[in-house]
PDB file of N, CA and C in Angstrom:
ATOM      1  N   MET A   1       0.786  -0.974  -0.136  1.00  0.00           N
ATOM      2  CA  MET A   1       0.128  -0.071  -0.294  1.00  0.00           C
ATOM      3  C   MET A   1       0.774   0.528   0.086  1.00  0.00           C
ATOM      4  N   THR A   2       0.760   1.935  -0.786  1.00  0.00           N
ATOM      5  CA  THR A   2       1.543   2.984  -1.228  1.00  0.00           C
ATOM      6  C   THR A   2       1.428   4.123   0.123  1.00  0.00           C
ATOM      7  N   LYS A   3       1.585   5.290   0.128  1.00  0.00           N
ATOM      8  CA  LYS A   3       2.158   6.293   1.522  1.00  0.00           C
ATOM      9  C   LYS A   3       0.410   6.610   1.306  1.00  0.00           C
ATOM     10  N   LEU A   4       0.145   7.474  -0.135  1.00  0.00           N
ATOM     11  CA  LEU A   4      -1.087   8.124   0.056  1.00  0.00           C
ATOM     12  C   LEU A   4      -2.527   7.580   0.123  1.00  0.00           C
ATOM     13  N   ALA A   5      -2.384   6.241  -0.870  1.00  0.00           N
ATOM     14  CA  ALA A   5      -3.376   5.133  -0.357  1.00  0.00           C
ATOM     15  C   ALA A   5      -3.511   4.832   1.027  1.00  0.00           C
ATOM     16  N   ALA A   6      -2.231   5.165   2.005  1.00  0.00           N
ATOM     17  CA  ALA A   6      -2.715   4.643   3.442  1.00  0.00           C
ATOM     18  C   ALA A   6      -3.237   6.015   4.250  1.00  0.00           C
ATOM     19  N   ALA A   7      -3.456   7.419   3.427  1.00  0.00           N
ATOM     20  CA  ALA A   7      -3.102   8.790   3.813  1.00  0.00           C
ATOM     21  C   ALA A   7      -4.688   8.864   3.834  1.00  0.00           C
ATOM     22  N   ALA A   8      -5.221   7.813   2.390  1.00  0.00           N
ATOM     23  CA  ALA A   8      -6.750   8.442   2.400  1.00  0.00           C
ATOM     24  C   ALA A   8      -7.589   7.468   2.571  1.00  0.00           C
ATOM     25  N   LEU A   9      -7.091   6.412   3.091  1.00  0.00           N
ATOM     26  CA  LEU A   9      -7.937   5.668   4.106  1.00  0.00           C
ATOM     27  C   LEU A   9      -7.925   6.099   5.670  1.00  0.00           C
ATOM     28  N   LEU A  10      -6.932   6.485   5.386  1.00  0.00           N
ATOM     29  CA  LEU A  10      -7.227   6.841   7.407  1.00  0.00           C
ATOM     30  C   LEU A  10      -8.015   8.452   7.163  1.00  0.00           C
ATOM     31  N   LEU A  11      -8.014   9.246   5.833  1.00  0.00           N
ATOM     32  CA  LEU A  11      -8.759  10.483   6.441  1.00  0.00           C
ATOM     33  C   LEU A  11     -10.361   9.581   6.248  1.00  0.00           C
ATOM     34  N   LEU A  12     -10.296   8.055   5.433  1.00  0.00           N
ATOM     35  CA  LEU A  12     -11.795   8.091   5.194  1.00  0.00           C
ATOM     36  C   LEU A  12     -12.514   7.599   6.719  1.00  0.00           C
ATOM     37  N   LEU A  13     -11.756   6.588   7.565  1.00  0.00           N
ATOM     38  CA  LEU A  13     -11.866   5.971   8.542  1.00  0.00           C
ATOM     39  C   LEU A  13     -12.098   7.344   9.599  1.00  0.00           C
ATOM     40  N   PHE A  14     -11.462   8.617  10.064  1.00  0.00           N
ATOM     41  CA  PHE A  14     -11.603   9.553  10.924  1.00  0.00           C
ATOM     42  C   PHE A  14     -11.408  10.148  10.354  1.00  0.00           C
ATOM     43  N   PRO A  15     -12.786  10.970   9.850  1.00  0.00           N
ATOM     44  CA  PRO A  15     -13.050  12.541   8.977  1.00  0.00           C
ATOM     45  C   PRO A  15     -12.633  13.061   9.756  1.00  0.00           C
ATOM     46  N   GLY A  16     -12.978  13.474  11.001  1.00  0.00           N
ATOM     47  CA  GLY A  16     -12.865  14.439  11.961  1.00  0.00           C
ATOM     48  C   GLY A  16     -11.603  14.641  12.156  1.00  0.00           C
ATOM     49  N   ALA A  17     -10.530  13.905  12.181  1.00  0.00           N
ATOM     50  CA  ALA A  17      -9.288  14.479  12.302  1.00  0.00           C
ATOM     51  C   ALA A  17      -8.782  15.164  11.542  1.00  0.00           C
ATOM     52  N   ALA A  18      -9.159  14.698  10.250  1.00  0.00           N
ATOM     53  CA  ALA A  18      -8.721  16.349   9.007  1.00  0.00           C
ATOM     54  C   ALA A  18      -9.372  17.310   9.092  1.00  0.00           C
ATOM     55  N   SER A  19     -10.417  17.885   9.905  1.00  0.00           N
ATOM     56  CA  SER A  19     -10.476  19.122   9.688  1.00  0.00           C
ATOM     57  C   SER A  19     -10.963  19.482  11.654  1.00  0.00           C
ATOM     58  N   ALA A  20     -10.127  20.163  11.844  1.00  0.00           N
ATOM     59  CA  ALA A  20     -10.009  20.939  13.005  1.00  0.00           C
ATOM     60  C   ALA A  20     -10.840  22.107  13.444  1.00  0.00           C
ATOM     61  N   GLN A  21     -11.353  22.032  14.110  1.00  0.00           N
ATOM     62  CA  GLN A  21     -12.617  23.262  14.331  1.00  0.00           C
ATOM     63  C   GLN A  21     -12.169  24.382  15.085  1.00  0.00           C
ATOM     64  N   LEU A  22     -12.273  25.514  14.025  1.00  0.00           N
ATOM     65  CA  LEU A  22     -12.133  26.629  15.074  1.00  0.00           C
ATOM     66  C   LEU A  22     -12.576  27.589  16.144  1.00  0.00           C
ATOM     67  N   ARG A  23     -11.719  27.968  17.108  1.00  0.00           N
ATOM     68  CA  ARG A  23     -12.428  28.327  18.311  1.00  0.00           C
ATOM     69  C   ARG A  23     -12.357  30.038  17.746  1.00  0.00           C
ATOM     70  N   PRO A  24     -13.568  30.409  18.616  1.00  0.00           N
ATOM     71  CA  PRO A  24     -14.794  31.585  18.083  1.00  0.00           C
ATOM     72  C   PRO A  24     -13.320  32.626  18.023  1.00  0.00           C
ATOM     73  N   PHE A  25     -13.454  33.750  17.692  1.00  0.00           N
ATOM     74  CA  PHE A  25     -12.666  34.793  18.058  1.00  0.00           C
ATOM     75  C   PHE A  25     -13.203  36.037  18.924  1.00  0.00           C
ATOM     76  N   SER A  26     -12.354  36.489  19.469  1.00  0.00           N
ATOM     77  CA  SER A  26     -13.580  37.063  20.428  1.00  0.00           C
ATOM     78  C   SER A  26     -12.081  38.076  20.943  1.00  0.00           C
ATOM     79  N   CYS A  27     -12.733  38.937  21.533  1.00  0.00           N
ATOM     80  CA  CYS A  27     -11.469  40.355  21.246  1.00  0.00           C
ATOM     81  C   CYS A  27     -12.326  41.168  22.280  1.00  0.00           C
ATOM     82  N   VAL A  28     -11.714  41.109  23.597  1.00  0.00           N
ATOM     83  CA  VAL A  28     -12.185  42.083  25.244  1.00  0.00           C
ATOM     84  C   VAL A  28     -12.015  43.475  24.065  1.00  0.00           C
ATOM     85  N   GLY A  29     -13.078  44.405  24.417  1.00  0.00           N
ATOM     86  CA  GLY A  29     -13.451  46.075  23.866  1.00  0.00           C
ATOM     87  C   GLY A  29     -13.136  46.116  22.603  1.00  0.00           C
ATOM     88  N   ALA A  30     -13.100  45.225  21.518  1.00  0.00           N
ATOM     89  CA  ALA A  30     -13.083  45.421  20.163  1.00  0.00           C
ATOM     90  C   ALA A  30     -14.070  46.400  19.734  1.00  0.00           C
ATOM     91  N   GLU A  31     -15.525  45.615  20.720  1.00  0.00           N
ATOM     92  CA  GLU A  31     -17.379  45.878  19.821  1.00  0.00           C
ATOM     93  C   GLU A  31     -17.301  48.070  20.292  1.00  0.00           C
ATOM     94  N   GLN A  32     -16.160  48.061  21.682  1.00  0.00           N
ATOM     95  CA  GLN A  32     -15.946  49.743  22.234  1.00  0.00           C
ATOM     96  C   GLN A  32     -15.352  50.456  21.260  1.00  0.00           C
ATOM     97  N   LEU A  33     -14.387  49.510  20.431  1.00  0.00           N
ATOM     98  CA  LEU A  33     -13.813  50.778  19.851  1.00  0.00           C
ATOM     99  C   LEU A  33     -14.202  50.610  18.515  1.00  0.00           C
ATOM    100  N   GLU A  34     -14.626  49.593  17.949  1.00  0.00           N
ATOM    101  CA  GLU A  34     -15.933  49.889  16.819  1.00  0.00           C
ATOM    102  C   GLU A  34     -16.691  51.484  16.781  1.00  0.00           C
ATOM    103  N   GLU A  35     -17.684  51.461  18.093  1.00  0.00           N
ATOM    104  CA  GLU A  35     -18.571  52.248  18.285  1.00  0.00           C
ATOM    105  C   GLU A  35     -18.011  53.566  18.639  1.00  0.00           C
ATOM    106  N   ASP A  36     -16.529  53.695  19.460  1.00  0.00           N
ATOM    107  CA  ASP A  36     -15.781  55.201  19.811  1.00  0.00           C
ATOM    108  C   ASP A  36     -15.268  55.729  18.410  1.00  0.00           C
ATOM    109  N   VAL A  37     -15.761  57.072  17.977  1.00  0.00           N
ATOM    110  CA  VAL A  37     -15.693  58.057  17.469  1.00  0.00           C
ATOM    111  C   VAL A  37     -15.116  59.031  18.180  1.00  0.00           C
ATOM    112  N   PHE A  38     -13.603  59.432  17.881  1.00  0.00           N
ATOM    113  CA  PHE A  38     -13.025  60.633  18.605  1.00  0.00           C
ATOM    114  C   PHE A  38     -12.205  61.275  17.836  1.00  0.00           C
ATOM    115  N   ALA A  39     -12.314  62.510  17.896  1.00  0.00           N
ATOM    116  CA  ALA A  39     -11.487  63.888  17.318  1.00  0.00           C
ATOM    117  C   ALA A  39     -10.369  64.366  18.146  1.00  0.00           C
ATOM    118  N   ILE A  40      -9.164  64.492  17.547  1.00  0.00           N
ATOM    119  CA  ILE A  40      -8.460  65.549  18.134  1.00  0.00           C
ATOM    120  C   ILE A  40      -8.247  67.187  17.335  1.00  0.00           C
ATOM    121  N   PRO A  41      -8.651  68.372  18.201  1.00  0.00           N
ATOM    122  CA  PRO A  41      -8.245  69.324  17.380  1.00  0.00           C
ATOM    123  C   PRO A  41      -7.265  69.866  17.088  1.00  0.00           C
ATOM    124  N   PHE A  42      -6.735  70.600  16.186  1.00  0.00           N
ATOM    125  CA  PHE A  42      -5.526  71.273  16.909  1.00  0.00           C
ATOM    126  C   PHE A  42      -5.343  72.583  15.836  1.00  0.00           C
ATOM    127  N   ALA A  43      -4.864  73.093  16.844  1.00  0.00           N
ATOM    128  CA  ALA A  43      -5.248  75.268  16.039  1.00  0.00           C
ATOM    129  C   ALA A  43      -4.540  75.516  15.298  1.00  0.00           C
ATOM    130  N   ARG A  44      -4.777  75.996  14.562  1.00  0.00           N
ATOM    131  CA  ARG A  44      -3.777  76.420  12.682  1.00  0.00           C
ATOM    132  C   ARG A  44      -2.804  76.986  13.373  1.00  0.00           C
ATOM    133  N   ARG A  45      -1.141  76.767  12.432  1.00  0.00           N
ATOM    134  CA  ARG A  45      -0.655  77.032  13.093  1.00  0.00           C
ATOM    135  C   ARG A  45       0.501  76.983  13.974  1.00  0.00           C
ATOM    136  N   ALA A  46       0.293  76.264  14.802  1.00  0.00           N
ATOM    137  CA  ALA A  46       0.004  75.596  15.874  1.00  0.00           C
ATOM    138  C   ALA A  46       1.571  75.369  16.170  1.00  0.00           C
ATOM    139  N   ALA A  47       2.183  74.663  15.391  1.00  0.00           N
ATOM    140  CA  ALA A  47       3.326  73.631  15.275  1.00  0.00           C
ATOM    141  C   ALA A  47       4.431  75.187  14.784  1.00  0.00           C
ATOM    142  N   THR A  48       5.561  75.239  15.500  1.00  0.00           N
ATOM    143  CA  THR A  48       6.644  76.436  15.045  1.00  0.00           C
ATOM    144  C   THR A  48       7.938  75.246  15.673  1.00  0.00           C
TER     145      THR A  48
END
């Protein structure tokens, strides 16, 4: 049996092992950052 055939047989016997389940993405504070809008005012010709 070739290596390719053995790998195919393993994939057929254990389909769950071939595809891992991804964990859901979570970022603490990301929702607040999306909604927060701010502006920083600068005076004209203030840089000297």
